Amino acid sequence: MAQNGLRKWVSEKWVDIGTKRKDGSFAPCGRSKGEKRKGYPKCVPLAKARAMSEGQRRSAVKRKRAAGNTGPKPKNVKTFTRSKKW
C-alpha cells in the first residue's frame, strides 16, 4: 500500500540544507532546546537534499534567509525557482 499525504510527510527524514556538518552530512531539521544556529533553517526531505546540486542548495538557503522571519509564523520559500523564458 502506497503512503501518501500526511503519513508520507511524517515518515520522511527532514534535514536543514543550510547547515552542513564537517563530515558532509546535514543537520536534522528543527532545534533542540537552547540550541543556537547561524541563519534561519531551510528544511527539505533528505532524498531531495541529496538530489540537489550545491548551487541549488545555496540558492534555496539564500532566498529563505532573505525572506526573513518577520511574524509569528515562518516564511515559506520555494525550493526551486522557475527559469525565465522570454
PDB file of N, CA and C in Angstrom:
ATOM      1  N   MET A   1       0.837  -1.186   0.000  1.00  0.00           N
ATOM      2  CA  MET A   1       0.000   0.000   0.000  1.00  0.00           C
ATOM      3  C   MET A   1       0.880   1.247   0.000  1.00  0.00           C
ATOM      4  N   ALA A   2       0.662   2.119  -0.928  1.00  0.00           N
ATOM      5  CA  ALA A   2       1.475   3.327  -1.053  1.00  0.00           C
ATOM      6  C   ALA A   2       1.100   4.346   0.019  1.00  0.00           C
ATOM      7  N   GLN A   3       2.130   4.974   0.564  1.00  0.00           N
ATOM      8  CA  GLN A   3       1.890   6.030   1.544  1.00  0.00           C
ATOM      9  C   GLN A   3       1.742   7.351   0.815  1.00  0.00           C
ATOM     10  N   ASN A   4       0.799   8.147   1.235  1.00  0.00           N
ATOM     11  CA  ASN A   4       0.660   9.468   0.631  1.00  0.00           C
ATOM     12  C   ASN A   4       0.098  10.431   1.661  1.00  0.00           C
ATOM     13  N   GLY A   5       0.216  11.689   1.353  1.00  0.00           N
ATOM     14  CA  GLY A   5      -0.314  12.705   2.240  1.00  0.00           C
ATOM     15  C   GLY A   5       0.515  12.874   3.498  1.00  0.00           C
ATOM     16  N   LEU A   6      -0.167  13.061   4.599  1.00  0.00           N
ATOM     17  CA  LEU A   6       0.487  13.346   5.870  1.00  0.00           C
ATOM     18  C   LEU A   6       1.346  12.191   6.363  1.00  0.00           C
ATOM     19  N   ARG A   7       0.908  10.964   6.150  1.00  0.00           N
ATOM     20  CA  ARG A   7       1.701   9.810   6.596  1.00  0.00           C
ATOM     21  C   ARG A   7       3.073   9.783   5.912  1.00  0.00           C
ATOM     22  N   LYS A   8       3.088  10.049   4.619  1.00  0.00           N
ATOM     23  CA  LYS A   8       4.353  10.062   3.884  1.00  0.00           C
ATOM     24  C   LYS A   8       5.239  11.201   4.376  1.00  0.00           C
ATOM     25  N   TRP A   9       4.637  12.368   4.592  1.00  0.00           N
ATOM     26  CA  TRP A   9       5.395  13.539   5.042  1.00  0.00           C
ATOM     27  C   TRP A   9       6.049  13.276   6.394  1.00  0.00           C
ATOM     28  N   VAL A  10       5.331  12.647   7.296  1.00  0.00           N
ATOM     29  CA  VAL A  10       5.861  12.367   8.637  1.00  0.00           C
ATOM     30  C   VAL A  10       6.990  11.345   8.570  1.00  0.00           C
ATOM     31  N   SER A  11       6.902  10.385   7.664  1.00  0.00           N
ATOM     32  CA  SER A  11       7.903   9.319   7.588  1.00  0.00           C
ATOM     33  C   SER A  11       9.210   9.768   6.931  1.00  0.00           C
ATOM     34  N   GLU A  12       9.198  10.890   6.208  1.00  0.00           N
ATOM     35  CA  GLU A  12      10.419  11.377   5.566  1.00  0.00           C
ATOM     36  C   GLU A  12      11.360  11.970   6.607  1.00  0.00           C
ATOM     37  N   LYS A  13      12.653  11.830   6.376  1.00  0.00           N
ATOM     38  CA  LYS A  13      13.652  12.407   7.277  1.00  0.00           C
ATOM     39  C   LYS A  13      13.974  13.809   6.769  1.00  0.00           C
ATOM     40  N   TRP A  14      13.582  14.835   7.520  1.00  0.00           N
ATOM     41  CA  TRP A  14      13.785  16.219   7.120  1.00  0.00           C
ATOM     42  C   TRP A  14      15.109  16.737   7.668  1.00  0.00           C
ATOM     43  N   VAL A  15      15.868  17.412   6.798  1.00  0.00           N
ATOM     44  CA  VAL A  15      17.180  17.945   7.185  1.00  0.00           C
ATOM     45  C   VAL A  15      17.269  19.428   6.817  1.00  0.00           C
ATOM     46  N   ASP A  16      18.169  20.118   7.473  1.00  0.00           N
ATOM     47  CA  ASP A  16      18.414  21.534   7.225  1.00  0.00           C
ATOM     48  C   ASP A  16      19.553  21.649   6.225  1.00  0.00           C
ATOM     49  N   ILE A  17      19.246  22.099   4.999  1.00  0.00           N
ATOM     50  CA  ILE A  17      20.291  22.179   3.970  1.00  0.00           C
ATOM     51  C   ILE A  17      21.180  23.407   4.151  1.00  0.00           C
ATOM     52  N   GLY A  18      20.825  24.277   5.078  1.00  0.00           N
ATOM     53  CA  GLY A  18      21.640  25.461   5.358  1.00  0.00           C
ATOM     54  C   GLY A  18      22.783  25.176   6.311  1.00  0.00           C
ATOM     55  N   THR A  19      22.741  24.037   6.990  1.00  0.00           N
ATOM     56  CA  THR A  19      23.785  23.678   7.946  1.00  0.00           C
ATOM     57  C   THR A  19      24.368  22.334   7.549  1.00  0.00           C
ATOM     58  N   LYS A  20      25.578  22.351   7.051  1.00  0.00           N
ATOM     59  CA  LYS A  20      26.239  21.116   6.654  1.00  0.00           C
ATOM     60  C   LYS A  20      27.333  20.818   7.676  1.00  0.00           C
ATOM     61  N   ARG A  21      27.420  19.576   8.085  1.00  0.00           N
ATOM     62  CA  ARG A  21      28.435  19.184   9.065  1.00  0.00           C
ATOM     63  C   ARG A  21      29.779  18.964   8.383  1.00  0.00           C
ATOM     64  N   LYS A  22      30.833  18.851   9.195  1.00  0.00           N
ATOM     65  CA  LYS A  22      32.178  18.663   8.642  1.00  0.00           C
ATOM     66  C   LYS A  22      32.309  17.351   7.876  1.00  0.00           C
ATOM     67  N   ASP A  23      31.533  16.330   8.272  1.00  0.00           N
ATOM     68  CA  ASP A  23      31.616  15.040   7.591  1.00  0.00           C
ATOM     69  C   ASP A  23      30.786  14.992   6.308  1.00  0.00           C
ATOM     70  N   GLY A  24      30.108  16.113   5.968  1.00  0.00           N
ATOM     71  CA  GLY A  24      29.333  16.190   4.736  1.00  0.00           C
ATOM     72  C   GLY A  24      27.856  15.893   4.904  1.00  0.00           C
ATOM     73  N   SER A  25      27.444  15.452   6.094  1.00  0.00           N
ATOM     74  CA  SER A  25      26.022  15.163   6.324  1.00  0.00           C
ATOM     75  C   SER A  25      25.282  16.449   6.689  1.00  0.00           C
ATOM     76  N   PHE A  26      23.970  16.369   6.675  1.00  0.00           N
ATOM     77  CA  PHE A  26      23.141  17.522   7.006  1.00  0.00           C
ATOM     78  C   PHE A  26      22.633  17.392   8.439  1.00  0.00           C
ATOM     79  N   ALA A  27      22.458  18.531   9.096  1.00  0.00           N
ATOM     80  CA  ALA A  27      21.889  18.536  10.440  1.00  0.00           C
ATOM     81  C   ALA A  27      20.390  18.274  10.332  1.00  0.00           C
ATOM     82  N   PRO A  28      19.809  17.616  11.323  1.00  0.00           N
ATOM     83  CA  PRO A  28      18.361  17.400  11.274  1.00  0.00           C
ATOM     84  C   PRO A  28      17.607  18.713  11.375  1.00  0.00           C
ATOM     85  N   CYS A  29      16.412  18.745  10.816  1.00  0.00           N
ATOM     86  CA  CYS A  29      15.599  19.949  10.849  1.00  0.00           C
ATOM     87  C   CYS A  29      15.072  20.159  12.267  1.00  0.00           C
ATOM     88  N   GLY A  30      14.935  21.404  12.642  1.00  0.00           N
ATOM     89  CA  GLY A  30      14.479  21.719  13.996  1.00  0.00           C
ATOM     90  C   GLY A  30      15.661  21.936  14.912  1.00  0.00           C
ATOM     91  N   ARG A  31      15.376  22.442  16.076  1.00  0.00           N
ATOM     92  CA  ARG A  31      16.439  22.733  17.020  1.00  0.00           C
ATOM     93  C   ARG A  31      16.102  22.145  18.380  1.00  0.00           C
ATOM     94  N   SER A  32      17.134  21.733  19.091  1.00  0.00           N
ATOM     95  CA  SER A  32      16.944  21.276  20.459  1.00  0.00           C
ATOM     96  C   SER A  32      16.771  22.494  21.347  1.00  0.00           C
ATOM     97  N   LYS A  33      16.229  22.301  22.526  1.00  0.00           N
ATOM     98  CA  LYS A  33      16.012  23.419  23.426  1.00  0.00           C
ATOM     99  C   LYS A  33      17.358  24.071  23.772  1.00  0.00           C
ATOM    100  N   GLY A  34      17.425  25.377  23.573  1.00  0.00           N
ATOM    101  CA  GLY A  34      18.634  26.127  23.888  1.00  0.00           C
ATOM    102  C   GLY A  34      19.702  26.098  22.805  1.00  0.00           C
ATOM    103  N   GLU A  35      19.482  25.357  21.720  1.00  0.00           N
ATOM    104  CA  GLU A  35      20.476  25.266  20.652  1.00  0.00           C
ATOM    105  C   GLU A  35      20.454  26.531  19.804  1.00  0.00           C
ATOM    106  N   LYS A  36      21.632  27.023  19.479  1.00  0.00           N
ATOM    107  CA  LYS A  36      21.762  28.208  18.632  1.00  0.00           C
ATOM    108  C   LYS A  36      22.385  27.780  17.314  1.00  0.00           C
ATOM    109  N   ARG A  37      21.840  28.315  16.217  1.00  0.00           N
ATOM    110  CA  ARG A  37      22.426  28.086  14.888  1.00  0.00           C
ATOM    111  C   ARG A  37      22.491  29.403  14.159  1.00  0.00           C
ATOM    112  N   LYS A  38      23.494  29.523  13.313  1.00  0.00           N
ATOM    113  CA  LYS A  38      23.635  30.718  12.496  1.00  0.00           C
ATOM    114  C   LYS A  38      22.657  30.631  11.332  1.00  0.00           C
ATOM    115  N   GLY A  39      21.864  31.654  11.134  1.00  0.00           N
ATOM    116  CA  GLY A  39      20.947  31.680   9.999  1.00  0.00           C
ATOM    117  C   GLY A  39      19.658  30.926  10.261  1.00  0.00           C
ATOM    118  N   TYR A  40      18.661  31.201   9.431  1.00  0.00           N
ATOM    119  CA  TYR A  40      17.362  30.563   9.558  1.00  0.00           C
ATOM    120  C   TYR A  40      17.379  29.252   8.789  1.00  0.00           C
ATOM    121  N   PRO A  41      16.823  28.156   9.323  1.00  0.00           N
ATOM    122  CA  PRO A  41      16.908  26.862   8.646  1.00  0.00           C
ATOM    123  C   PRO A  41      16.036  26.757   7.394  1.00  0.00           C
ATOM    124  N   LYS A  42      16.545  26.068   6.387  1.00  0.00           N
ATOM    125  CA  LYS A  42      15.781  25.726   5.180  1.00  0.00           C
ATOM    126  C   LYS A  42      15.717  24.206   5.172  1.00  0.00           C
ATOM    127  N   CYS A  43      14.541  23.668   5.446  1.00  0.00           N
ATOM    128  CA  CYS A  43      14.388  22.224   5.604  1.00  0.00           C
ATOM    129  C   CYS A  43      13.730  21.578   4.394  1.00  0.00           C
ATOM    130  N   VAL A  44      14.290  20.453   3.985  1.00  0.00           N
ATOM    131  CA  VAL A  44      13.756  19.642   2.896  1.00  0.00           C
ATOM    132  C   VAL A  44      13.949  18.175   3.271  1.00  0.00           C
ATOM    133  N   PRO A  45      13.212  17.256   2.637  1.00  0.00           N
ATOM    134  CA  PRO A  45      13.445  15.830   2.890  1.00  0.00           C
ATOM    135  C   PRO A  45      14.869  15.443   2.461  1.00  0.00           C
ATOM    136  N   LEU A  46      15.463  14.493   3.157  1.00  0.00           N
ATOM    137  CA  LEU A  46      16.832  14.069   2.889  1.00  0.00           C
ATOM    138  C   LEU A  46      17.016  13.634   1.439  1.00  0.00           C
ATOM    139  N   ALA A  47      16.054  12.923   0.868  1.00  0.00           N
ATOM    140  CA  ALA A  47      16.160  12.458  -0.517  1.00  0.00           C
ATOM    141  C   ALA A  47      16.273  13.643  -1.474  1.00  0.00           C
ATOM    142  N   LYS A  48      15.503  14.702  -1.231  1.00  0.00           N
ATOM    143  CA  LYS A  48      15.558  15.892  -2.080  1.00  0.00           C
ATOM    144  C   LYS A  48      16.888  16.616  -1.887  1.00  0.00           C
ATOM    145  N   ALA A  49      17.366  16.694  -0.646  1.00  0.00           N
ATOM    146  CA  ALA A  49      18.635  17.367  -0.353  1.00  0.00           C
ATOM    147  C   ALA A  49      19.787  16.691  -1.096  1.00  0.00           C
ATOM    148  N   ARG A  50      19.770  15.380  -1.137  1.00  0.00           N
ATOM    149  CA  ARG A  50      20.838  14.642  -1.831  1.00  0.00           C
ATOM    150  C   ARG A  50      20.747  14.807  -3.337  1.00  0.00           C
ATOM    151  N   ALA A  51      19.540  14.979  -3.855  1.00  0.00           N
ATOM    152  CA  ALA A  51      19.346  15.115  -5.297  1.00  0.00           C
ATOM    153  C   ALA A  51      19.693  16.515  -5.803  1.00  0.00           C
ATOM    154  N   MET A  52      19.738  17.493  -4.919  1.00  0.00           N
ATOM    155  CA  MET A  52      20.013  18.881  -5.315  1.00  0.00           C
ATOM    156  C   MET A  52      21.512  19.092  -5.497  1.00  0.00           C
ATOM    157  N   SER A  53      21.868  19.984  -6.420  1.00  0.00           N
ATOM    158  CA  SER A  53      23.275  20.339  -6.592  1.00  0.00           C
ATOM    159  C   SER A  53      23.649  21.342  -5.503  1.00  0.00           C
ATOM    160  N   GLU A  54      24.924  21.567  -5.336  1.00  0.00           N
ATOM    161  CA  GLU A  54      25.393  22.521  -4.328  1.00  0.00           C
ATOM    162  C   GLU A  54      24.850  23.919  -4.610  1.00  0.00           C
ATOM    163  N   GLY A  55      24.813  24.311  -5.870  1.00  0.00           N
ATOM    164  CA  GLY A  55      24.293  25.624  -6.257  1.00  0.00           C
ATOM    165  C   GLY A  55      22.808  25.773  -5.966  1.00  0.00           C
ATOM    166  N   GLN A  56      22.047  24.704  -6.201  1.00  0.00           N
ATOM    167  CA  GLN A  56      20.613  24.735  -5.908  1.00  0.00           C
ATOM    168  C   GLN A  56      20.369  24.877  -4.408  1.00  0.00           C
ATOM    169  N   ARG A  57      21.157  24.164  -3.605  1.00  0.00           N
ATOM    170  CA  ARG A  57      21.017  24.269  -2.142  1.00  0.00           C
ATOM    171  C   ARG A  57      21.354  25.676  -1.675  1.00  0.00           C
ATOM    172  N   ARG A  58      22.453  26.231  -2.186  1.00  0.00           N
ATOM    173  CA  ARG A  58      22.860  27.584  -1.800  1.00  0.00           C
ATOM    174  C   ARG A  58      21.804  28.613  -2.165  1.00  0.00           C
ATOM    175  N   SER A  59      21.234  28.484  -3.359  1.00  0.00           N
ATOM    176  CA  SER A  59      20.211  29.407  -3.830  1.00  0.00           C
ATOM    177  C   SER A  59      18.971  29.350  -2.947  1.00  0.00           C
ATOM    178  N   ALA A  60      18.531  28.137  -2.598  1.00  0.00           N
ATOM    179  CA  ALA A  60      17.340  27.974  -1.768  1.00  0.00           C
ATOM    180  C   ALA A  60      17.549  28.574  -0.375  1.00  0.00           C
ATOM    181  N   VAL A  61      18.717  28.332   0.206  1.00  0.00           N
ATOM    182  CA  VAL A  61      19.023  28.856   1.540  1.00  0.00           C
ATOM    183  C   VAL A  61      19.107  30.381   1.500  1.00  0.00           C
ATOM    184  N   LYS A  62      19.723  30.913   0.450  1.00  0.00           N
ATOM    185  CA  LYS A  62      19.860  32.364   0.309  1.00  0.00           C
ATOM    186  C   LYS A  62      18.493  33.045   0.222  1.00  0.00           C
ATOM    187  N   ARG A  63      17.570  32.464  -0.574  1.00  0.00           N
ATOM    188  CA  ARG A  63      16.233  33.036  -0.705  1.00  0.00           C
ATOM    189  C   ARG A  63      15.436  32.911   0.591  1.00  0.00           C
ATOM    190  N   LYS A  64      15.608  31.814   1.309  1.00  0.00           N
ATOM    191  CA  LYS A  64      14.896  31.612   2.578  1.00  0.00           C
ATOM    192  C   LYS A  64      15.359  32.647   3.605  1.00  0.00           C
ATOM    193  N   ARG A  65      16.656  32.857   3.701  1.00  0.00           N
ATOM    194  CA  ARG A  65      17.176  33.810   4.681  1.00  0.00           C
ATOM    195  C   ARG A  65      16.857  35.253   4.300  1.00  0.00           C
ATOM    196  N   ALA A  66      16.797  35.523   2.995  1.00  0.00           N
ATOM    197  CA  ALA A  66      16.447  36.871   2.535  1.00  0.00           C
ATOM    198  C   ALA A  66      14.988  37.190   2.869  1.00  0.00           C
ATOM    199  N   ALA A  67      14.116  36.168   2.847  1.00  0.00           N
ATOM    200  CA  ALA A  67      12.705  36.368   3.170  1.00  0.00           C
ATOM    201  C   ALA A  67      12.527  36.711   4.642  1.00  0.00           C
ATOM    202  N   GLY A  68      13.439  36.232   5.472  1.00  0.00           N
ATOM    203  CA  GLY A  68      13.393  36.552   6.894  1.00  0.00           C
ATOM    204  C   GLY A  68      12.221  35.899   7.604  1.00  0.00           C
ATOM    205  N   ASN A  69      12.105  36.209   8.869  1.00  0.00           N
ATOM    206  CA  ASN A  69      11.014  35.683   9.682  1.00  0.00           C
ATOM    207  C   ASN A  69      10.463  36.851  10.484  1.00  0.00           C
ATOM    208  N   THR A  70       9.568  37.602   9.859  1.00  0.00           N
ATOM    209  CA  THR A  70       9.086  38.826  10.481  1.00  0.00           C
ATOM    210  C   THR A  70       7.878  38.626  11.378  1.00  0.00           C
ATOM    211  N   GLY A  71       7.196  37.507  11.253  1.00  0.00           N
ATOM    212  CA  GLY A  71       5.983  37.303  12.029  1.00  0.00           C
ATOM    213  C   GLY A  71       6.059  36.083  12.906  1.00  0.00           C
ATOM    214  N   PRO A  72       4.934  35.722  13.500  1.00  0.00           N
ATOM    215  CA  PRO A  72       4.931  34.552  14.374  1.00  0.00           C
ATOM    216  C   PRO A  72       5.079  33.235  13.606  1.00  0.00           C
ATOM    217  N   LYS A  73       4.765  33.234  12.317  1.00  0.00           N
ATOM    218  CA  LYS A  73       4.894  32.021  11.512  1.00  0.00           C
ATOM    219  C   LYS A  73       6.088  32.142  10.575  1.00  0.00           C
ATOM    220  N   PRO A  74       6.798  31.038  10.309  1.00  0.00           N
ATOM    221  CA  PRO A  74       7.930  31.105   9.381  1.00  0.00           C
ATOM    222  C   PRO A  74       7.466  31.330   7.948  1.00  0.00           C
ATOM    223  N   LYS A  75       8.316  31.982   7.151  1.00  0.00           N
ATOM    224  CA  LYS A  75       8.018  32.220   5.735  1.00  0.00           C
ATOM    225  C   LYS A  75       8.325  30.963   4.939  1.00  0.00           C
ATOM    226  N   ASN A  76       7.432  30.614   4.025  1.00  0.00           N
ATOM    227  CA  ASN A  76       7.681  29.505   3.113  1.00  0.00           C
ATOM    228  C   ASN A  76       8.287  30.056   1.830  1.00  0.00           C
ATOM    229  N   VAL A  77       9.361  29.429   1.386  1.00  0.00           N
ATOM    230  CA  VAL A  77      10.054  29.832   0.169  1.00  0.00           C
ATOM    231  C   VAL A  77      10.198  28.603  -0.706  1.00  0.00           C
ATOM    232  N   LYS A  78       9.914  28.749  -1.989  1.00  0.00           N
ATOM    233  CA  LYS A  78      10.033  27.613  -2.910  1.00  0.00           C
ATOM    234  C   LYS A  78      11.470  27.118  -2.942  1.00  0.00           C
ATOM    235  N   THR A  79      11.625  25.795  -2.999  1.00  0.00           N
ATOM    236  CA  THR A  79      12.955  25.196  -3.024  1.00  0.00           C
ATOM    237  C   THR A  79      13.622  25.430  -4.368  1.00  0.00           C
ATOM    238  N   PHE A  80      12.856  25.338  -5.453  1.00  0.00           N
ATOM    239  CA  PHE A  80      13.409  25.549  -6.786  1.00  0.00           C
ATOM    240  C   PHE A  80      12.746  26.756  -7.438  1.00  0.00           C
ATOM    241  N   THR A  81      13.522  27.542  -8.173  1.00  0.00           N
ATOM    242  CA  THR A  81      12.950  28.673  -8.902  1.00  0.00           C
ATOM    243  C   THR A  81      12.696  28.263 -10.343  1.00  0.00           C
ATOM    244  N   ARG A  82      11.766  28.889 -10.953  1.00  0.00           N
ATOM    245  CA  ARG A  82      11.496  28.620 -12.375  1.00  0.00           C
ATOM    246  C   ARG A  82      12.449  29.456 -13.216  1.00  0.00           C
ATOM    247  N   SER A  83      12.963  28.853 -14.282  1.00  0.00           N
ATOM    248  CA  SER A  83      13.793  29.637 -15.188  1.00  0.00           C
ATOM    249  C   SER A  83      12.898  30.495 -16.051  1.00  0.00           C
ATOM    250  N   LYS A  84      13.338  31.705 -16.316  1.00  0.00           N
ATOM    251  CA  LYS A  84      12.530  32.631 -17.115  1.00  0.00           C
ATOM    252  C   LYS A  84      12.693  32.314 -18.601  1.00  0.00           C
ATOM    253  N   LYS A  85      11.568  32.237 -19.283  1.00  0.00           N
ATOM    254  CA  LYS A  85      11.595  32.031 -20.730  1.00  0.00           C
ATOM    255  C   LYS A  85      11.076  33.293 -21.374  1.00  0.00           C
ATOM    256  N   TRP A  86      11.820  33.895 -22.245  1.00  0.00           N
ATOM    257  CA  TRP A  86      11.429  35.152 -22.895  1.00  0.00           C
ATOM    258  C   TRP A  86      10.874  34.896 -24.227  1.00  0.00           C
TER     259      TRP A  86
END
